[in-house]
C-alpha cells in the first residue's frame, strides 16, 4: 500500500469520525431539547393541576361559608326575629317603643335577606341546577334591579337548558361576575352586553360595556389593579381557554373568551 492510499484511507476515516461526531452532537442536542420541552410541559401541567386544586378549594370554602351563613347566622336571625315579634306584642301600649321596635324589625328582615343573598351568590345553586344560561340571566337581573344598569344578554346556538362541563360553566360564570363587578365599580358603565356563542369545538363568551375604559398595559403592570385580569387568566388556564381584551379610554371595554369543548 503506497503513501497516497494511506493518506486517502486516513482522510476517509477522519471524515467518518467527524461526521459521527457531528451526528452525535446533533442527536444529543435534540434529546436535550426534547427533554427540556417535556420538562416544560410537565411543569405547566403541574401548575395547571395546582391552580385547579386551588380553585376547587376556593369553591369548597365558598360552599362552607354559604352553608354556615344559611344554617347558623340565618337561623339565628330568624329566631331573633320571632323573639322580637313576641317582644313587640308585649310593648304595644307604648307608641314610641312600638315605632322603634318596628324599625328594628325591618333591620332584622333586611339582615336575613342579605344573608340569604350572600349565601346564594357564594354558591350559585341556579348554575348547578339549571345551567349557565339560567344562572347568568338570574345574576344580571339582580344586578339590574340593584343598580339600574341596562343589560343585553344574547346566546346563540345554545338552548336555555343546555349543559356544558361543570368546570366550563363555573369558569364562564365567575368570569362574568368579575367583569360585571369591575364594569360597575371602576368603569361606571351604564350598559353591559353579554353574548354566548356555542360552536362545534368551542364556547365563546363576549363581554362589552360603555364605561370609561382603561389602559390595558398600565393595568397589567399594577399588581393591585390587575388582580381581576390575573384571576380571569388563572381560571381560563384550568380549562385551556384564551382571552382577548380591548379597552379604549372613554369608549368602553370588550373582552372575548374562548374555551375549547
Protein backbone atom coordinates (compact mmCIF):
# COMPACT_ATOMS: atom_id res chain seq x y z
CA UNK A 1 0.00 0.00 0.00
CA UNK A 2 1.58 3.28 -1.09
CA UNK A 3 1.58 6.58 0.77
CA UNK A 4 -1.27 8.03 -1.34
CA UNK A 5 -3.58 5.17 -0.38
CA UNK A 6 -2.68 5.56 3.28
CA UNK A 7 -3.43 9.29 3.11
CA UNK A 8 -6.78 8.58 1.40
CA UNK A 9 -7.76 5.94 3.95
CA UNK A 10 -6.68 8.15 6.85
CA UNK A 11 -8.59 11.13 5.44
CA UNK A 12 -11.70 8.99 4.89
CA UNK A 13 -11.50 7.69 8.45
CA UNK A 14 -11.19 11.23 9.80
CA UNK A 15 -14.19 12.35 7.74
CA UNK A 16 -16.25 9.43 9.07
CA UNK A 17 -15.16 10.24 12.62
CA UNK A 18 -16.07 13.92 12.21
CA UNK A 19 -19.41 13.00 10.64
CA UNK A 20 -20.27 10.66 13.50
CA UNK A 21 -19.18 13.32 15.99
CA UNK A 22 -21.43 15.90 14.36
CA UNK A 23 -24.36 13.45 14.25
CA UNK A 24 -23.80 12.59 17.89
CA UNK A 25 -23.75 16.26 18.90
CA UNK A 26 -26.92 16.94 16.87
CA UNK A 27 -28.62 13.89 18.38
CA UNK A 28 -27.53 14.93 21.88
CA UNK A 29 -28.78 18.49 21.39
CA UNK A 30 -32.08 17.20 20.01
CA UNK A 31 -32.53 14.93 23.02
CA UNK A 32 -31.72 17.81 25.32
CA UNK A 33 -34.32 19.97 23.56
CA UNK A 34 -36.91 17.20 23.75
CA UNK A 35 -36.19 16.71 27.45
CA UNK A 36 -36.46 20.46 28.04
CA UNK A 37 -39.81 20.60 26.23
CA UNK A 38 -41.02 17.57 28.17
CA UNK A 39 -39.98 19.19 31.45
CA UNK A 40 -41.70 22.45 30.48
CA UNK A 41 -44.88 20.57 29.58
CA UNK A 42 -44.71 18.63 32.85
CA UNK A 43 -44.14 21.84 34.81
CA UNK A 44 -47.06 23.54 33.00
CA UNK A 45 -49.29 20.53 33.69
CA UNK A 46 -48.32 20.60 37.37
CA UNK A 47 -49.02 24.32 37.57
CA UNK A 48 -52.44 23.82 35.97
CA UNK A 49 -53.15 20.99 38.41
CA UNK A 50 -52.12 23.14 41.38
CA UNK A 51 -54.22 26.03 40.12
CA UNK A 52 -57.20 23.78 39.52
CA UNK A 53 -56.83 22.37 43.03
CA UNK A 54 -56.60 25.90 44.42
CA UNK A 55 -59.80 26.95 42.63
CA UNK A 56 -61.55 23.81 43.83
CA UNK A 57 -60.50 24.61 47.40
CA UNK A 58 -61.91 28.12 46.96
CA UNK A 59 -65.24 26.72 45.78
CA UNK A 60 -65.34 24.27 48.69
CA UNK A 61 -64.67 27.15 51.08
CA UNK A 62 -67.41 29.20 49.43
CA UNK A 63 -69.82 26.31 49.99
CA UNK A 64 -68.79 26.01 53.63
CA UNK A 65 -69.24 29.73 54.27
CA UNK A 66 -72.58 29.75 52.43
CA UNK A 67 -73.79 26.79 54.49
CA UNK A 68 -72.67 28.44 57.73
CA UNK A 69 -74.39 31.68 56.77
CA UNK A 70 -77.61 29.89 55.89
CA UNK A 71 -77.69 27.33 58.67
CA UNK A 72 -76.10 29.27 61.52
CA UNK A 73 -76.37 33.03 61.00
CA UNK A 74 -79.61 32.85 59.02
CA UNK A 75 -81.22 30.54 61.57
CA UNK A 76 -80.10 32.71 64.48
CA UNK A 77 -81.50 35.84 62.82
CA UNK A 78 -84.81 34.06 62.19
CA UNK A 79 -85.03 33.02 65.84
CA UNK A 80 -84.16 36.58 66.88
CA UNK A 81 -86.93 37.88 64.64
CA UNK A 82 -89.51 35.55 66.22
CA UNK A 83 -88.37 36.52 69.71
CA UNK A 84 -88.53 40.16 68.79
CA UNK A 85 -92.07 39.77 67.43
CA UNK A 86 -93.12 38.41 70.81
CA UNK A 87 -91.46 41.37 72.50
CA UNK A 88 -93.31 43.80 70.23
CA UNK A 89 -96.65 42.30 71.20
CA UNK A 90 -95.86 42.98 74.85
CA UNK A 91 -94.89 46.64 74.38
CA UNK A 92 -97.71 47.69 72.04
CA UNK A 93 -99.04 50.02 74.73
CA UNK A 94 -96.13 52.38 74.12
CA UNK A 95 -96.25 54.21 70.77
CA UNK A 96 -92.59 55.28 70.91
CA UNK A 97 -91.34 51.79 71.76
CA UNK A 98 -93.59 50.25 69.12
CA UNK A 99 -92.26 52.59 66.40
CA UNK A 100 -88.68 51.88 67.41
CA UNK A 101 -89.43 48.17 67.56
CA UNK A 102 -90.93 48.13 64.06
CA UNK A 103 -87.83 49.85 62.70
CA UNK A 104 -85.59 47.29 64.38
CA UNK A 105 -87.77 44.52 62.97
CA UNK A 106 -87.24 45.92 59.46
CA UNK A 107 -83.48 45.91 60.06
CA UNK A 108 -83.68 42.27 61.09
CA UNK A 109 -85.68 41.35 57.99
CA UNK A 110 -83.19 43.17 55.79
CA UNK A 111 -80.30 41.35 57.52
CA UNK A 112 -81.97 38.00 56.88
CA UNK A 113 -82.48 38.88 53.20
CA UNK A 114 -78.84 39.95 52.86
CA UNK A 115 -77.57 36.74 54.46
CA UNK A 116 -79.68 34.69 52.05
CA UNK A 117 -78.48 36.75 49.08
CA UNK A 118 -74.81 36.38 50.02
CA UNK A 119 -75.29 32.66 50.59
CA UNK A 120 -76.81 32.25 47.11
CA UNK A 121 -74.06 34.31 45.47
CA UNK A 122 -71.30 32.31 47.15
CA UNK A 123 -72.74 29.09 45.74
CA UNK A 124 -74.71 29.67 42.51
CA UNK A 125 -77.33 26.95 43.01
CA UNK A 126 -79.08 28.02 39.81
CA UNK A 127 -75.89 27.21 37.90
CA UNK A 128 -75.73 23.72 39.38
CA UNK A 129 -79.44 23.01 38.93
CA UNK A 130 -80.37 24.72 35.66
CA UNK A 131 -77.17 25.61 33.81
CA UNK A 132 -75.19 28.58 32.56
CA UNK A 133 -77.93 30.47 30.70
CA UNK A 134 -80.33 30.49 33.65
CA UNK A 135 -77.56 31.39 36.12
CA UNK A 136 -76.30 34.33 34.04
CA UNK A 137 -79.84 35.56 33.44
CA UNK A 138 -80.61 35.45 37.17
CA UNK A 139 -77.33 37.18 38.01
CA UNK A 140 -77.80 40.12 35.64
CA UNK A 141 -81.46 40.54 36.64
CA UNK A 142 -80.38 41.03 40.26
CA UNK A 143 -77.65 43.48 39.26
CA UNK A 144 -80.09 45.39 37.04
CA UNK A 145 -82.64 45.74 39.86
CA UNK A 146 -79.95 46.87 42.32
CA UNK A 147 -78.04 49.24 40.02
CA UNK A 148 -80.37 50.25 37.19
CA UNK A 149 -77.70 49.33 34.63
CA UNK A 150 -79.07 48.08 31.31
CA UNK A 151 -78.09 44.51 30.40
CA UNK A 152 -78.39 42.89 26.99
CA UNK A 153 -77.91 39.13 27.08
CA UNK A 154 -77.88 37.01 23.92
CA UNK A 155 -77.00 33.35 23.42
CA UNK A 156 -76.62 31.74 20.02
CA UNK A 157 -76.53 28.03 19.31
CA UNK A 158 -77.37 27.26 22.93
CA UNK A 159 -80.68 26.08 24.34
CA UNK A 160 -81.78 27.60 27.65
CA UNK A 161 -81.39 24.28 29.46
CA UNK A 162 -78.26 23.11 27.59
CA UNK A 163 -75.44 22.00 29.87
CA UNK A 164 -71.67 22.08 29.48
CA UNK A 165 -68.83 20.64 31.51
CA UNK A 166 -69.14 21.86 35.12
CA UNK A 167 -65.68 23.42 35.06
CA UNK A 168 -66.52 25.33 31.87
CA UNK A 169 -69.83 26.60 33.26
CA UNK A 170 -68.28 27.70 36.54
CA UNK A 171 -65.38 29.40 34.72
CA UNK A 172 -67.66 31.45 32.46
CA UNK A 173 -69.96 32.34 35.35
CA UNK A 174 -67.15 33.52 37.64
CA UNK A 175 -65.53 35.49 34.80
CA UNK A 176 -68.88 37.14 34.03
CA UNK A 177 -69.19 38.10 37.70
CA UNK A 178 -65.67 39.55 37.70
CA UNK A 179 -66.21 41.58 34.53
CA UNK A 180 -69.63 42.90 35.54
CA UNK A 181 -68.43 43.90 39.01
CA UNK A 182 -65.41 45.68 37.52
CA UNK A 183 -67.61 47.48 34.99
CA UNK A 184 -69.88 48.75 37.76
CA UNK A 185 -67.19 49.54 40.31
CA UNK A 186 -64.45 51.04 38.16
CA UNK A 187 -65.79 51.75 34.67
CA UNK A 188 -69.12 53.27 35.80
CA UNK A 189 -70.80 51.54 32.85
CA UNK A 190 -74.50 52.16 32.15
CA UNK A 191 -74.93 49.43 29.55
CA UNK A 192 -73.42 45.96 29.52
CA UNK A 193 -73.74 43.41 26.74
CA UNK A 194 -73.18 39.68 27.30
CA UNK A 195 -73.10 37.21 24.44
CA UNK A 196 -72.63 33.45 24.49
CA UNK A 197 -71.88 31.57 21.28
CA UNK A 198 -71.56 27.77 21.10
CA UNK A 199 -69.79 26.27 18.12
CA UNK A 200 -68.76 22.71 17.33
CA UNK A 201 -65.46 22.80 19.17
CA UNK A 202 -65.55 25.90 21.37
CA UNK A 203 -67.68 28.13 23.56
CA UNK A 204 -67.24 31.88 23.17
CA UNK A 205 -68.23 34.48 25.75
CA UNK A 206 -68.14 38.14 24.68
CA UNK A 207 -68.47 40.97 27.18
CA UNK A 208 -68.77 44.66 26.23
CA UNK A 209 -69.54 47.77 28.26
CA UNK A 210 -69.83 51.50 27.57
CA UNK A 211 -67.78 52.50 30.59
CA UNK A 212 -64.69 54.69 30.96
CA UNK A 213 -62.28 52.12 29.57
CA UNK A 214 -58.73 51.72 30.82
CA UNK A 215 -55.08 51.47 29.80
CA UNK A 216 -54.55 47.72 29.49
CA UNK A 217 -50.75 47.81 29.69
CA UNK A 218 -50.80 50.04 32.77
CA UNK A 219 -53.33 47.78 34.49
CA UNK A 220 -51.21 44.69 33.78
CA UNK A 221 -48.21 46.33 35.44
CA UNK A 222 -50.20 47.38 38.51
CA UNK A 223 -50.24 44.38 40.85
CA UNK A 224 -53.33 45.54 42.76
CA UNK A 225 -55.36 46.93 39.85
CA UNK A 226 -54.58 43.98 37.61
CA UNK A 227 -55.69 41.33 40.09
CA UNK A 228 -59.05 40.86 38.37
CA UNK A 229 -57.42 40.24 35.00
CA UNK A 230 -54.99 37.76 36.55
CA UNK A 231 -57.89 35.93 38.19
CA UNK A 232 -59.54 35.62 34.78
CA UNK A 233 -56.37 34.28 33.18
CA UNK A 234 -55.91 31.82 36.04
CA UNK A 235 -59.41 30.43 35.64
CA UNK A 236 -59.01 30.16 31.87
CA UNK A 237 -55.72 28.28 32.17
CA UNK A 238 -57.53 25.45 34.00
CA UNK A 239 -59.89 24.87 31.05
CA UNK A 240 -57.30 25.73 28.34
CA UNK A 241 -59.22 28.88 27.49
CA UNK A 242 -57.95 32.11 25.93
CA UNK A 243 -58.91 35.76 26.29
CA UNK A 244 -58.62 38.89 24.19
CA UNK A 245 -59.13 42.24 25.90
CA UNK A 246 -59.66 45.54 24.11
CA UNK A 247 -60.25 48.77 26.00
CA UNK A 248 -60.25 52.39 24.87
CA UNK A 249 -60.34 55.19 27.40
CA UNK A 250 -63.68 56.95 27.13
CA UNK A 251 -65.17 54.30 24.84
CA UNK A 252 -65.51 51.18 26.97
CA UNK A 253 -64.16 47.65 27.10
CA UNK A 254 -64.58 44.43 25.12
CA UNK A 255 -63.45 41.03 26.36
CA UNK A 256 -63.68 37.85 24.31
CA UNK A 257 -63.25 34.48 25.99
CA UNK A 258 -62.88 31.21 24.09
CA UNK A 259 -62.94 27.78 25.72
CA UNK A 260 -62.50 24.51 23.79
CA UNK A 261 -65.31 21.99 24.23
